[in-house]
Amino acid sequence: MAYIDGFVIAVPTANKEKFIEHARKFDSIFIELGAIRVIEGWGDDVPDGKVTDFRRSVQATTEETVAFSWVEWPDKATRDMAMKKMMEDPRMDPSAAAMPFDGKRMIFGGFEQVVEVKA
């Protein structure tokens, strides 16, 4: 089964187009290095929770929108090899291309797929 990297970030709402441009540029690198697909989601119905929620997880302000993204890899070995290559790739250097969001508040993780249901 596939391996998934998931990301949640707070993006200044005014930077939506910059976020999309940034994603198109960097997501193509994931594909180049073996990802099956990359999905970028822009918060549309992200409710406040009573205990915790997406907004609090990334300390989003009222001027920010939560973005939820994931990268699907064919397997963990491909992902691990790609991550190693990305750390060495000058295109991934944060000083070369400013992120349109605060990367310090990003939450992310790698997930082993355990269930898949298709239509």
PDB file of N, CA and C in Angstrom:
ATOM      1  N   MET A   1       0.830  -1.195   0.000  1.00  0.00           N
ATOM      2  CA  MET A   1       0.000   0.000   0.000  1.00  0.00           C
ATOM      3  C   MET A   1       0.866   1.248   0.000  1.00  0.00           C
ATOM      4  N   ALA A   2       0.255   2.342  -0.394  1.00  0.00           N
ATOM      5  CA  ALA A   2       0.966   3.609  -0.495  1.00  0.00           C
ATOM      6  C   ALA A   2       1.415   4.132   0.866  1.00  0.00           C
ATOM      7  N   TYR A   3       2.309   5.092   0.819  1.00  0.00           N
ATOM      8  CA  TYR A   3       2.772   5.801   2.008  1.00  0.00           C
ATOM      9  C   TYR A   3       2.377   7.261   1.819  1.00  0.00           C
ATOM     10  N   ILE A   4       1.899   7.898   2.886  1.00  0.00           N
ATOM     11  CA  ILE A   4       1.366   9.257   2.793  1.00  0.00           C
ATOM     12  C   ILE A   4       2.141  10.200   3.708  1.00  0.00           C
ATOM     13  N   ASP A   5       2.530  11.358   3.170  1.00  0.00           N
ATOM     14  CA  ASP A   5       3.033  12.458   3.992  1.00  0.00           C
ATOM     15  C   ASP A   5       1.911  13.481   4.074  1.00  0.00           C
ATOM     16  N   GLY A   6       1.571  13.919   5.295  1.00  0.00           N
ATOM     17  CA  GLY A   6       0.509  14.897   5.479  1.00  0.00           C
ATOM     18  C   GLY A   6       1.043  16.182   6.082  1.00  0.00           C
ATOM     19  N   PHE A   7       0.442  17.312   5.690  1.00  0.00           N
ATOM     20  CA  PHE A   7       0.879  18.630   6.132  1.00  0.00           C
ATOM     21  C   PHE A   7      -0.326  19.503   6.449  1.00  0.00           C
ATOM     22  N   VAL A   8      -0.256  20.251   7.540  1.00  0.00           N
ATOM     23  CA  VAL A   8      -1.266  21.252   7.874  1.00  0.00           C
ATOM     24  C   VAL A   8      -0.511  22.549   8.144  1.00  0.00           C
ATOM     25  N   ILE A   9      -0.934  23.640   7.481  1.00  0.00           N
ATOM     26  CA  ILE A   9      -0.268  24.927   7.646  1.00  0.00           C
ATOM     27  C   ILE A   9      -1.301  26.055   7.687  1.00  0.00           C
ATOM     28  N   ALA A  10      -0.896  27.154   8.287  1.00  0.00           N
ATOM     29  CA  ALA A  10      -1.708  28.377   8.291  1.00  0.00           C
ATOM     30  C   ALA A  10      -1.114  29.314   7.254  1.00  0.00           C
ATOM     31  N   VAL A  11      -1.930  29.719   6.296  1.00  0.00           N
ATOM     32  CA  VAL A  11      -1.470  30.590   5.212  1.00  0.00           C
ATOM     33  C   VAL A  11      -2.225  31.914   5.293  1.00  0.00           C
ATOM     34  N   PRO A  12      -1.528  33.045   5.258  1.00  0.00           N
ATOM     35  CA  PRO A  12      -2.261  34.305   5.201  1.00  0.00           C
ATOM     36  C   PRO A  12      -3.256  34.244   4.033  1.00  0.00           C
ATOM     37  N   THR A  13      -4.502  34.500   4.311  1.00  0.00           N
ATOM     38  CA  THR A  13      -5.539  34.404   3.282  1.00  0.00           C
ATOM     39  C   THR A  13      -5.193  35.252   2.062  1.00  0.00           C
ATOM     40  N   ALA A  14      -4.576  36.380   2.278  1.00  0.00           N
ATOM     41  CA  ALA A  14      -4.166  37.250   1.169  1.00  0.00           C
ATOM     42  C   ALA A  14      -3.099  36.596   0.282  1.00  0.00           C
ATOM     43  N   ASN A  15      -2.446  35.554   0.770  1.00  0.00           N
ATOM     44  CA  ASN A  15      -1.382  34.875   0.015  1.00  0.00           C
ATOM     45  C   ASN A  15      -1.866  33.627  -0.714  1.00  0.00           C
ATOM     46  N   LYS A  16      -3.171  33.471  -0.901  1.00  0.00           N
ATOM     47  CA  LYS A  16      -3.687  32.248  -1.527  1.00  0.00           C
ATOM     48  C   LYS A  16      -3.023  31.986  -2.877  1.00  0.00           C
ATOM     49  N   GLU A  17      -2.958  32.974  -3.749  1.00  0.00           N
ATOM     50  CA  GLU A  17      -2.360  32.767  -5.077  1.00  0.00           C
ATOM     51  C   GLU A  17      -0.867  32.477  -4.965  1.00  0.00           C
ATOM     52  N   LYS A  18      -0.178  33.136  -4.047  1.00  0.00           N
ATOM     53  CA  LYS A  18       1.250  32.852  -3.837  1.00  0.00           C
ATOM     54  C   LYS A  18       1.433  31.419  -3.337  1.00  0.00           C
ATOM     55  N   PHE A  19       0.523  30.964  -2.460  1.00  0.00           N
ATOM     56  CA  PHE A  19       0.568  29.591  -1.960  1.00  0.00           C
ATOM     57  C   PHE A  19       0.404  28.607  -3.114  1.00  0.00           C
ATOM     58  N   ILE A  20      -0.555  28.875  -3.997  1.00  0.00           N
ATOM     59  CA  ILE A  20      -0.791  27.986  -5.139  1.00  0.00           C
ATOM     60  C   ILE A  20       0.432  27.948  -6.052  1.00  0.00           C
ATOM     61  N   GLU A  21       1.030  29.100  -6.335  1.00  0.00           N
ATOM     62  CA  GLU A  21       2.249  29.152  -7.153  1.00  0.00           C
ATOM     63  C   GLU A  21       3.371  28.361  -6.498  1.00  0.00           C
ATOM     64  N   HIS A  22       3.556  28.564  -5.199  1.00  0.00           N
ATOM     65  CA  HIS A  22       4.582  27.858  -4.431  1.00  0.00           C
ATOM     66  C   HIS A  22       4.349  26.353  -4.503  1.00  0.00           C
ATOM     67  N   ALA A  23       3.100  25.937  -4.310  1.00  0.00           N
ATOM     68  CA  ALA A  23       2.765  24.515  -4.342  1.00  0.00           C
ATOM     69  C   ALA A  23       3.045  23.916  -5.716  1.00  0.00           C
ATOM     70  N   ARG A  24       2.640  24.587  -6.762  1.00  0.00           N
ATOM     71  CA  ARG A  24       2.872  24.055  -8.119  1.00  0.00           C
ATOM     72  C   ARG A  24       4.368  23.854  -8.374  1.00  0.00           C
ATOM     73  N   LYS A  25       5.173  24.784  -7.912  1.00  0.00           N
ATOM     74  CA  LYS A  25       6.628  24.686  -8.115  1.00  0.00           C
ATOM     75  C   LYS A  25       7.211  23.510  -7.329  1.00  0.00           C
ATOM     76  N   PHE A  26       6.899  23.445  -6.042  1.00  0.00           N
ATOM     77  CA  PHE A  26       7.531  22.425  -5.209  1.00  0.00           C
ATOM     78  C   PHE A  26       6.866  21.053  -5.325  1.00  0.00           C
ATOM     79  N   ASP A  27       5.577  21.012  -5.606  1.00  0.00           N
ATOM     80  CA  ASP A  27       4.908  19.720  -5.766  1.00  0.00           C
ATOM     81  C   ASP A  27       5.443  18.962  -6.966  1.00  0.00           C
ATOM     82  N   SER A  28       5.854  19.692  -7.991  1.00  0.00           N
ATOM     83  CA  SER A  28       6.423  19.023  -9.168  1.00  0.00           C
ATOM     84  C   SER A  28       7.727  18.304  -8.808  1.00  0.00           C
ATOM     85  N   ILE A  29       8.434  18.798  -7.807  1.00  0.00           N
ATOM     86  CA  ILE A  29       9.654  18.112  -7.361  1.00  0.00           C
ATOM     87  C   ILE A  29       9.292  16.789  -6.700  1.00  0.00           C
ATOM     88  N   PHE A  30       8.221  16.766  -5.902  1.00  0.00           N
ATOM     89  CA  PHE A  30       7.772  15.498  -5.307  1.00  0.00           C
ATOM     90  C   PHE A  30       7.482  14.479  -6.412  1.00  0.00           C
ATOM     91  N   ILE A  31       6.772  14.909  -7.448  1.00  0.00           N
ATOM     92  CA  ILE A  31       6.430  14.009  -8.558  1.00  0.00           C
ATOM     93  C   ILE A  31       7.698  13.538  -9.268  1.00  0.00           C
ATOM     94  N   GLU A  32       8.610  14.467  -9.525  1.00  0.00           N
ATOM     95  CA  GLU A  32       9.884  14.137 -10.172  1.00  0.00           C
ATOM     96  C   GLU A  32      10.639  13.057  -9.397  1.00  0.00           C
ATOM     97  N   LEU A  33      10.509  13.089  -8.069  1.00  0.00           N
ATOM     98  CA  LEU A  33      11.247  12.152  -7.211  1.00  0.00           C
ATOM     99  C   LEU A  33      10.453  10.895  -6.866  1.00  0.00           C
ATOM    100  N   GLY A  34       9.289  10.702  -7.502  1.00  0.00           N
ATOM    101  CA  GLY A  34       8.602   9.428  -7.352  1.00  0.00           C
ATOM    102  C   GLY A  34       7.231   9.441  -6.706  1.00  0.00           C
ATOM    103  N   ALA A  35       6.734  10.607  -6.277  1.00  0.00           N
ATOM    104  CA  ALA A  35       5.395  10.654  -5.693  1.00  0.00           C
ATOM    105  C   ALA A  35       4.360  10.301  -6.757  1.00  0.00           C
ATOM    106  N   ILE A  36       3.292   9.660  -6.320  1.00  0.00           N
ATOM    107  CA  ILE A  36       2.200   9.293  -7.215  1.00  0.00           C
ATOM    108  C   ILE A  36       1.304  10.498  -7.477  1.00  0.00           C
ATOM    109  N   ARG A  37       1.026  11.266  -6.413  1.00  0.00           N
ATOM    110  CA  ARG A  37       0.214  12.467  -6.550  1.00  0.00           C
ATOM    111  C   ARG A  37       0.405  13.358  -5.335  1.00  0.00           C
ATOM    112  N   VAL A  38       0.076  14.631  -5.530  1.00  0.00           N
ATOM    113  CA  VAL A  38       0.137  15.618  -4.456  1.00  0.00           C
ATOM    114  C   VAL A  38      -1.194  16.361  -4.465  1.00  0.00           C
ATOM    115  N   ILE A  39      -1.799  16.504  -3.305  1.00  0.00           N
ATOM    116  CA  ILE A  39      -3.067  17.218  -3.166  1.00  0.00           C
ATOM    117  C   ILE A  39      -2.840  18.417  -2.257  1.00  0.00           C
ATOM    118  N   GLU A  40      -3.299  19.577  -2.691  1.00  0.00           N
ATOM    119  CA  GLU A  40      -3.242  20.799  -1.886  1.00  0.00           C
ATOM    120  C   GLU A  40      -4.683  21.238  -1.621  1.00  0.00           C
ATOM    121  N   GLY A  41      -5.082  21.295  -0.364  1.00  0.00           N
ATOM    122  CA  GLY A  41      -6.427  21.702  -0.015  1.00  0.00           C
ATOM    123  C   GLY A  41      -6.437  23.052   0.694  1.00  0.00           C
ATOM    124  N   TRP A  42      -7.372  23.918   0.299  1.00  0.00           N
ATOM    125  CA  TRP A  42      -7.523  25.247   0.903  1.00  0.00           C
ATOM    126  C   TRP A  42      -8.740  25.197   1.803  1.00  0.00           C
ATOM    127  N   GLY A  43      -8.592  25.549   3.079  1.00  0.00           N
ATOM    128  CA  GLY A  43      -9.676  25.461   4.046  1.00  0.00           C
ATOM    129  C   GLY A  43     -10.941  26.159   3.600  1.00  0.00           C
ATOM    130  N   ASP A  44     -12.044  25.423   3.632  1.00  0.00           N
ATOM    131  CA  ASP A  44     -13.332  25.951   3.230  1.00  0.00           C
ATOM    132  C   ASP A  44     -14.373  25.782   4.343  1.00  0.00           C
ATOM    133  N   ASP A  45     -14.284  24.672   5.052  1.00  0.00           N
ATOM    134  CA  ASP A  45     -15.209  24.373   6.143  1.00  0.00           C
ATOM    135  C   ASP A  45     -14.378  23.789   7.276  1.00  0.00           C
ATOM    136  N   VAL A  46     -13.690  24.649   7.999  1.00  0.00           N
ATOM    137  CA  VAL A  46     -12.758  24.238   9.055  1.00  0.00           C
ATOM    138  C   VAL A  46     -13.288  24.797  10.376  1.00  0.00           C
ATOM    139  N   PRO A  47     -14.164  24.041  11.037  1.00  0.00           N
ATOM    140  CA  PRO A  47     -14.814  24.561  12.247  1.00  0.00           C
ATOM    141  C   PRO A  47     -13.884  24.612  13.454  1.00  0.00           C
ATOM    142  N   ASP A  48     -14.205  25.519  14.361  1.00  0.00           N
ATOM    143  CA  ASP A  48     -13.514  25.571  15.649  1.00  0.00           C
ATOM    144  C   ASP A  48     -14.025  24.415  16.494  1.00  0.00           C
ATOM    145  N   GLY A  49     -13.114  23.720  17.167  1.00  0.00           N
ATOM    146  CA  GLY A  49     -13.503  22.620  18.039  1.00  0.00           C
ATOM    147  C   GLY A  49     -13.630  23.083  19.480  1.00  0.00           C
ATOM    148  N   LYS A  50     -14.115  22.197  20.317  1.00  0.00           N
ATOM    149  CA  LYS A  50     -14.256  22.524  21.744  1.00  0.00           C
ATOM    150  C   LYS A  50     -12.961  22.250  22.501  1.00  0.00           C
ATOM    151  N   VAL A  51     -12.183  21.285  22.038  1.00  0.00           N
ATOM    152  CA  VAL A  51     -10.937  20.927  22.719  1.00  0.00           C
ATOM    153  C   VAL A  51      -9.729  21.269  21.848  1.00  0.00           C
ATOM    154  N   THR A  52      -9.793  20.864  20.572  1.00  0.00           N
ATOM    155  CA  THR A  52      -8.713  21.166  19.629  1.00  0.00           C
ATOM    156  C   THR A  52      -9.294  21.188  18.223  1.00  0.00           C
ATOM    157  N   ASP A  53      -8.544  21.689  17.284  1.00  0.00           N
ATOM    158  CA  ASP A  53      -8.997  21.756  15.900  1.00  0.00           C
ATOM    159  C   ASP A  53      -7.811  22.080  14.997  1.00  0.00           C
ATOM    160  N   PHE A  54      -8.064  22.084  13.689  1.00  0.00           N
ATOM    161  CA  PHE A  54      -7.004  22.390  12.738  1.00  0.00           C
ATOM    162  C   PHE A  54      -6.425  23.785  12.972  1.00  0.00           C
ATOM    163  N   ARG A  55      -7.281  24.771  13.202  1.00  0.00           N
ATOM    164  CA  ARG A  55      -6.797  26.151  13.363  1.00  0.00           C
ATOM    165  C   ARG A  55      -5.841  26.259  14.547  1.00  0.00           C
ATOM    166  N   ARG A  56      -6.235  25.684  15.675  1.00  0.00           N
ATOM    167  CA  ARG A  56      -5.362  25.749  16.856  1.00  0.00           C
ATOM    168  C   ARG A  56      -4.078  24.953  16.659  1.00  0.00           C
ATOM    169  N   SER A  57      -4.160  23.881  15.896  1.00  0.00           N
ATOM    170  CA  SER A  57      -2.973  23.037  15.709  1.00  0.00           C
ATOM    171  C   SER A  57      -1.817  23.799  15.075  1.00  0.00           C
ATOM    172  N   VAL A  58      -2.151  24.809  14.251  1.00  0.00           N
ATOM    173  CA  VAL A  58      -1.112  25.605  13.579  1.00  0.00           C
ATOM    174  C   VAL A  58      -1.148  27.072  14.003  1.00  0.00           C
ATOM    175  N   GLN A  59      -1.878  27.351  15.069  1.00  0.00           N
ATOM    176  CA  GLN A  59      -1.993  28.705  15.629  1.00  0.00           C
ATOM    177  C   GLN A  59      -2.437  29.717  14.572  1.00  0.00           C
ATOM    178  N   ALA A  60      -3.430  29.328  13.760  1.00  0.00           N
ATOM    179  CA  ALA A  60      -3.926  30.219  12.707  1.00  0.00           C
ATOM    180  C   ALA A  60      -4.635  31.430  13.300  1.00  0.00           C
ATOM    181  N   THR A  61      -4.378  32.574  12.720  1.00  0.00           N
ATOM    182  CA  THR A  61      -5.041  33.812  13.130  1.00  0.00           C
ATOM    183  C   THR A  61      -6.302  34.003  12.282  1.00  0.00           C
ATOM    184  N   THR A  62      -7.068  35.028  12.587  1.00  0.00           N
ATOM    185  CA  THR A  62      -8.279  35.305  11.809  1.00  0.00           C
ATOM    186  C   THR A  62      -7.948  35.747  10.387  1.00  0.00           C
ATOM    187  N   GLU A  63      -6.716  36.173  10.142  1.00  0.00           N
ATOM    188  CA  GLU A  63      -6.295  36.584   8.797  1.00  0.00           C
ATOM    189  C   GLU A  63      -5.672  35.441   8.011  1.00  0.00           C
ATOM    190  N   GLU A  64      -5.733  34.226   8.552  1.00  0.00           N
ATOM    191  CA  GLU A  64      -5.106  33.069   7.899  1.00  0.00           C
ATOM    192  C   GLU A  64      -6.146  31.989   7.595  1.00  0.00           C
ATOM    193  N   THR A  65      -5.842  31.200   6.583  1.00  0.00           N
ATOM    194  CA  THR A  65      -6.649  30.050   6.196  1.00  0.00           C
ATOM    195  C   THR A  65      -5.801  28.802   6.391  1.00  0.00           C
ATOM    196  N   VAL A  66      -6.431  27.738   6.870  1.00  0.00           N
ATOM    197  CA  VAL A  66      -5.718  26.477   7.057  1.00  0.00           C
ATOM    198  C   VAL A  66      -5.666  25.731   5.724  1.00  0.00           C
ATOM    199  N   ALA A  67      -4.469  25.297   5.361  1.00  0.00           N
ATOM    200  CA  ALA A  67      -4.282  24.463   4.174  1.00  0.00           C
ATOM    201  C   ALA A  67      -3.895  23.064   4.634  1.00  0.00           C
ATOM    202  N   PHE A  68      -4.449  22.073   3.974  1.00  0.00           N
ATOM    203  CA  PHE A  68      -4.210  20.668   4.293  1.00  0.00           C
ATOM    204  C   PHE A  68      -3.710  20.000   3.020  1.00  0.00           C
ATOM    205  N   SER A  69      -2.541  19.402   3.100  1.00  0.00           N
ATOM    206  CA  SER A  69      -1.913  18.837   1.912  1.00  0.00           C
ATOM    207  C   SER A  69      -1.412  17.434   2.203  1.00  0.00           C
ATOM    208  N   TRP A  70      -1.322  16.641   1.153  1.00  0.00           N
ATOM    209  CA  TRP A  70      -0.689  15.352   1.325  1.00  0.00           C
ATOM    210  C   TRP A  70       0.001  14.919   0.045  1.00  0.00           C
ATOM    211  N   VAL A  71       1.018  14.107   0.243  1.00  0.00           N
ATOM    212  CA  VAL A  71       1.793  13.548  -0.857  1.00  0.00           C
ATOM    213  C   VAL A  71       1.647  12.041  -0.761  1.00  0.00           C
ATOM    214  N   GLU A  72       1.248  11.432  -1.860  1.00  0.00           N
ATOM    215  CA  GLU A  72       1.096   9.976  -1.891  1.00  0.00           C
ATOM    216  C   GLU A  72       2.292   9.377  -2.625  1.00  0.00           C
ATOM    217  N   TRP A  73       2.934   8.444  -1.948  1.00  0.00           N
ATOM    218  CA  TRP A  73       4.098   7.739  -2.497  1.00  0.00           C
ATOM    219  C   TRP A  73       3.723   6.288  -2.752  1.00  0.00           C
ATOM    220  N   PRO A  74       4.402   5.605  -3.669  1.00  0.00           N
ATOM    221  CA  PRO A  74       4.081   4.191  -3.892  1.00  0.00           C
ATOM    222  C   PRO A  74       4.421   3.326  -2.678  1.00  0.00           C
ATOM    223  N   ASP A  75       5.433   3.746  -1.910  1.00  0.00           N
ATOM    224  CA  ASP A  75       5.841   3.003  -0.714  1.00  0.00           C
ATOM    225  C   ASP A  75       6.783   3.882   0.109  1.00  0.00           C
ATOM    226  N   LYS A  76       7.076   3.442   1.322  1.00  0.00           N
ATOM    227  CA  LYS A  76       7.923   4.224   2.227  1.00  0.00           C
ATOM    228  C   LYS A  76       9.359   4.320   1.711  1.00  0.00           C
ATOM    229  N   ALA A  77       9.853   3.255   1.074  1.00  0.00           N
ATOM    230  CA  ALA A  77      11.231   3.277   0.560  1.00  0.00           C
ATOM    231  C   ALA A  77      11.407   4.390  -0.478  1.00  0.00           C
ATOM    232  N   THR A  78      10.424   4.544  -1.368  1.00  0.00           N
ATOM    233  CA  THR A  78      10.488   5.614  -2.371  1.00  0.00           C
ATOM    234  C   THR A  78      10.465   6.968  -1.689  1.00  0.00           C
ATOM    235  N   ARG A  79       9.581   7.108  -0.696  1.00  0.00           N
ATOM    236  CA  ARG A  79       9.481   8.373   0.045  1.00  0.00           C
ATOM    237  C   ARG A  79      10.781   8.699   0.753  1.00  0.00           C
ATOM    238  N   ASP A  80      11.366   7.713   1.432  1.00  0.00           N
ATOM    239  CA  ASP A  80      12.604   7.954   2.173  1.00  0.00           C
ATOM    240  C   ASP A  80      13.740   8.366   1.240  1.00  0.00           C
ATOM    241  N   MET A  81      13.824   7.715   0.095  1.00  0.00           N
ATOM    242  CA  MET A  81      14.856   8.058  -0.878  1.00  0.00           C
ATOM    243  C   MET A  81      14.617   9.476  -1.412  1.00  0.00           C
ATOM    244  N   ALA A  82      13.364   9.818  -1.692  1.00  0.00           N
ATOM    245  CA  ALA A  82      13.035  11.154  -2.192  1.00  0.00           C
ATOM    246  C   ALA A  82      13.351  12.228  -1.156  1.00  0.00           C
ATOM    247  N   MET A  83      13.032  11.980   0.100  1.00  0.00           N
ATOM    248  CA  MET A  83      13.307  12.965   1.153  1.00  0.00           C
ATOM    249  C   MET A  83      14.807  13.226   1.271  1.00  0.00           C
ATOM    250  N   LYS A  84      15.584  12.179   1.162  1.00  0.00           N
ATOM    251  CA  LYS A  84      17.044  12.346   1.211  1.00  0.00           C
ATOM    252  C   LYS A  84      17.510  13.222   0.043  1.00  0.00           C
ATOM    253  N   LYS A  85      16.990  12.956  -1.157  1.00  0.00           N
ATOM    254  CA  LYS A  85      17.369  13.742  -2.329  1.00  0.00           C
ATOM    255  C   LYS A  85      16.900  15.194  -2.190  1.00  0.00           C
ATOM    256  N   MET A  86      15.709  15.396  -1.617  1.00  0.00           N
ATOM    257  CA  MET A  86      15.194  16.761  -1.455  1.00  0.00           C
ATOM    258  C   MET A  86      16.067  17.586  -0.523  1.00  0.00           C
ATOM    259  N   MET A  87      16.587  16.967   0.525  1.00  0.00           N
ATOM    260  CA  MET A  87      17.439  17.695   1.473  1.00  0.00           C
ATOM    261  C   MET A  87      18.724  18.160   0.820  1.00  0.00           C
ATOM    262  N   GLU A  88      19.132  17.484  -0.266  1.00  0.00           N
ATOM    263  CA  GLU A  88      20.355  17.838  -0.987  1.00  0.00           C
ATOM    264  C   GLU A  88      20.080  18.705  -2.215  1.00  0.00           C
ATOM    265  N   ASP A  89      18.812  18.869  -2.568  1.00  0.00           N
ATOM    266  CA  ASP A  89      18.431  19.576  -3.791  1.00  0.00           C
ATOM    267  C   ASP A  89      18.428  21.082  -3.543  1.00  0.00           C
ATOM    268  N   PRO A  90      19.207  21.859  -4.287  1.00  0.00           N
ATOM    269  CA  PRO A  90      19.256  23.305  -4.074  1.00  0.00           C
ATOM    270  C   PRO A  90      17.908  23.993  -4.320  1.00  0.00           C
ATOM    271  N   ARG A  91      17.022  23.380  -5.108  1.00  0.00           N
ATOM    272  CA  ARG A  91      15.696  23.968  -5.339  1.00  0.00           C
ATOM    273  C   ARG A  91      14.848  23.980  -4.069  1.00  0.00           C
ATOM    274  N   MET A  92      15.206  23.145  -3.095  1.00  0.00           N
ATOM    275  CA  MET A  92      14.440  23.054  -1.854  1.00  0.00           C
ATOM    276  C   MET A  92      14.978  23.979  -0.773  1.00  0.00           C
ATOM    277  N   ASP A  93      16.035  24.708  -1.055  1.00  0.00           N
ATOM    278  CA  ASP A  93      16.630  25.620  -0.075  1.00  0.00           C
ATOM    279  C   ASP A  93      15.646  26.745   0.240  1.00  0.00           C
ATOM    280  N   PRO A  94      15.194  26.876   1.511  1.00  0.00           N
ATOM    281  CA  PRO A  94      14.223  27.909   1.866  1.00  0.00           C
ATOM    282  C   PRO A  94      14.702  29.326   1.563  1.00  0.00           C
ATOM    283  N   SER A  95      16.005  29.553   1.570  1.00  0.00           N
ATOM    284  CA  SER A  95      16.500  30.904   1.284  1.00  0.00           C
ATOM    285  C   SER A  95      16.404  31.241  -0.208  1.00  0.00           C
ATOM    286  N   ALA A  96      16.256  30.216  -1.050  1.00  0.00           N
ATOM    287  CA  ALA A  96      16.165  30.441  -2.490  1.00  0.00           C
ATOM    288  C   ALA A  96      14.756  30.857  -2.911  1.00  0.00           C
ATOM    289  N   ALA A  97      13.750  30.404  -2.161  1.00  0.00           N
ATOM    290  CA  ALA A  97      12.359  30.743  -2.498  1.00  0.00           C
ATOM    291  C   ALA A  97      11.576  30.877  -1.199  1.00  0.00           C
ATOM    292  N   ALA A  98      11.210  32.087  -0.863  1.00  0.00           N
ATOM    293  CA  ALA A  98      10.486  32.332   0.389  1.00  0.00           C
ATOM    294  C   ALA A  98       9.125  31.640   0.381  1.00  0.00           C
ATOM    295  N   MET A  99       8.785  31.032   1.496  1.00  0.00           N
ATOM    296  CA  MET A  99       7.484  30.388   1.630  1.00  0.00           C
ATOM    297  C   MET A  99       6.423  31.455   1.915  1.00  0.00           C
ATOM    298  N   PRO A 100       5.231  31.320   1.327  1.00  0.00           N
ATOM    299  CA  PRO A 100       4.169  32.300   1.570  1.00  0.00           C
ATOM    300  C   PRO A 100       3.383  32.008   2.851  1.00  0.00           C
ATOM    301  N   PHE A 101       4.042  31.366   3.807  1.00  0.00           N
ATOM    302  CA  PHE A 101       3.438  31.018   5.091  1.00  0.00           C
ATOM    303  C   PHE A 101       4.555  30.817   6.097  1.00  0.00           C
ATOM    304  N   ASP A 102       4.201  30.709   7.371  1.00  0.00           N
ATOM    305  CA  ASP A 102       5.180  30.508   8.442  1.00  0.00           C
ATOM    306  C   ASP A 102       5.438  29.015   8.609  1.00  0.00           C
ATOM    307  N   GLY A 103       6.534  28.555   8.034  1.00  0.00           N
ATOM    308  CA  GLY A 103       6.878  27.130   8.078  1.00  0.00           C
ATOM    309  C   GLY A 103       7.108  26.591   9.473  1.00  0.00           C
ATOM    310  N   LYS A 104       7.386  27.455  10.437  1.00  0.00           N
ATOM    311  CA  LYS A 104       7.620  27.004  11.813  1.00  0.00           C
ATOM    312  C   LYS A 104       6.335  26.475  12.454  1.00  0.00           C
ATOM    313  N   ARG A 105       5.173  26.895  11.922  1.00  0.00           N
ATOM    314  CA  ARG A 105       3.897  26.435  12.484  1.00  0.00           C
ATOM    315  C   ARG A 105       3.296  25.280  11.697  1.00  0.00           C
ATOM    316  N   MET A 106       4.017  24.779  10.710  1.00  0.00           N
ATOM    317  CA  MET A 106       3.547  23.629   9.946  1.00  0.00           C
ATOM    318  C   MET A 106       3.596  22.377  10.828  1.00  0.00           C
ATOM    319  N   ILE A 107       2.560  21.550  10.719  1.00  0.00           N
ATOM    320  CA  ILE A 107       2.643  20.223  11.334  1.00  0.00           C
ATOM    321  C   ILE A 107       2.647  19.210  10.192  1.00  0.00           C
ATOM    322  N   PHE A 108       3.398  18.150  10.359  1.00  0.00           N
ATOM    323  CA  PHE A 108       3.522  17.175   9.282  1.00  0.00           C
ATOM    324  C   PHE A 108       3.879  15.818   9.856  1.00  0.00           C
ATOM    325  N   GLY A 109       3.694  14.811   9.058  1.00  0.00           N
ATOM    326  CA  GLY A 109       4.062  13.470   9.470  1.00  0.00           C
ATOM    327  C   GLY A 109       3.897  12.494   8.326  1.00  0.00           C
ATOM    328  N   GLY A 110       4.549  11.349   8.463  1.00  0.00           N
ATOM    329  CA  GLY A 110       4.449  10.279   7.489  1.00  0.00           C
ATOM    330  C   GLY A 110       3.537   9.197   8.020  1.00  0.00           C
ATOM    331  N   PHE A 111       2.700   8.639   7.150  1.00  0.00           N
ATOM    332  CA  PHE A 111       1.689   7.687   7.567  1.00  0.00           C
ATOM    333  C   PHE A 111       1.669   6.447   6.678  1.00  0.00           C
ATOM    334  N   GLU A 112       1.681   5.303   7.320  1.00  0.00           N
ATOM    335  CA  GLU A 112       1.528   4.035   6.633  1.00  0.00           C
ATOM    336  C   GLU A 112       0.052   3.856   6.330  1.00  0.00           C
ATOM    337  N   GLN A 113      -0.271   3.587   5.089  1.00  0.00           N
ATOM    338  CA  GLN A 113      -1.664   3.356   4.717  1.00  0.00           C
ATOM    339  C   GLN A 113      -2.090   1.995   5.242  1.00  0.00           C
ATOM    340  N   VAL A 114      -3.204   1.943   5.947  1.00  0.00           N
ATOM    341  CA  VAL A 114      -3.689   0.665   6.494  1.00  0.00           C
ATOM    342  C   VAL A 114      -5.053   0.250   5.959  1.00  0.00           C
ATOM    343  N   VAL A 115      -5.815   1.189   5.393  1.00  0.00           N
ATOM    344  CA  VAL A 115      -7.118   0.890   4.804  1.00  0.00           C
ATOM    345  C   VAL A 115      -7.283   1.734   3.552  1.00  0.00           C
ATOM    346  N   GLU A 116      -7.866   1.153   2.522  1.00  0.00           N
ATOM    347  CA  GLU A 116      -8.231   1.894   1.315  1.00  0.00           C
ATOM    348  C   GLU A 116      -9.597   1.405   0.854  1.00  0.00           C
ATOM    349  N   VAL A 117     -10.515   2.327   0.674  1.00  0.00           N
ATOM    350  CA  VAL A 117     -11.841   2.013   0.173  1.00  0.00           C
ATOM    351  C   VAL A 117     -12.066   2.862  -1.067  1.00  0.00           C
ATOM    352  N   LYS A 118     -12.439   2.240  -2.161  1.00  0.00           N
ATOM    353  CA  LYS A 118     -12.655   2.977  -3.411  1.00  0.00           C
ATOM    354  C   LYS A 118     -14.097   2.784  -3.863  1.00  0.00           C
ATOM    355  N   ALA A 119     -14.566   3.751  -4.651  1.00  0.00           N
ATOM    356  CA  ALA A 119     -15.921   3.652  -5.213  1.00  0.00           C
ATOM    357  C   ALA A 119     -15.944   2.640  -6.326  1.00  0.00           C
TER     358      ALA A 119
END
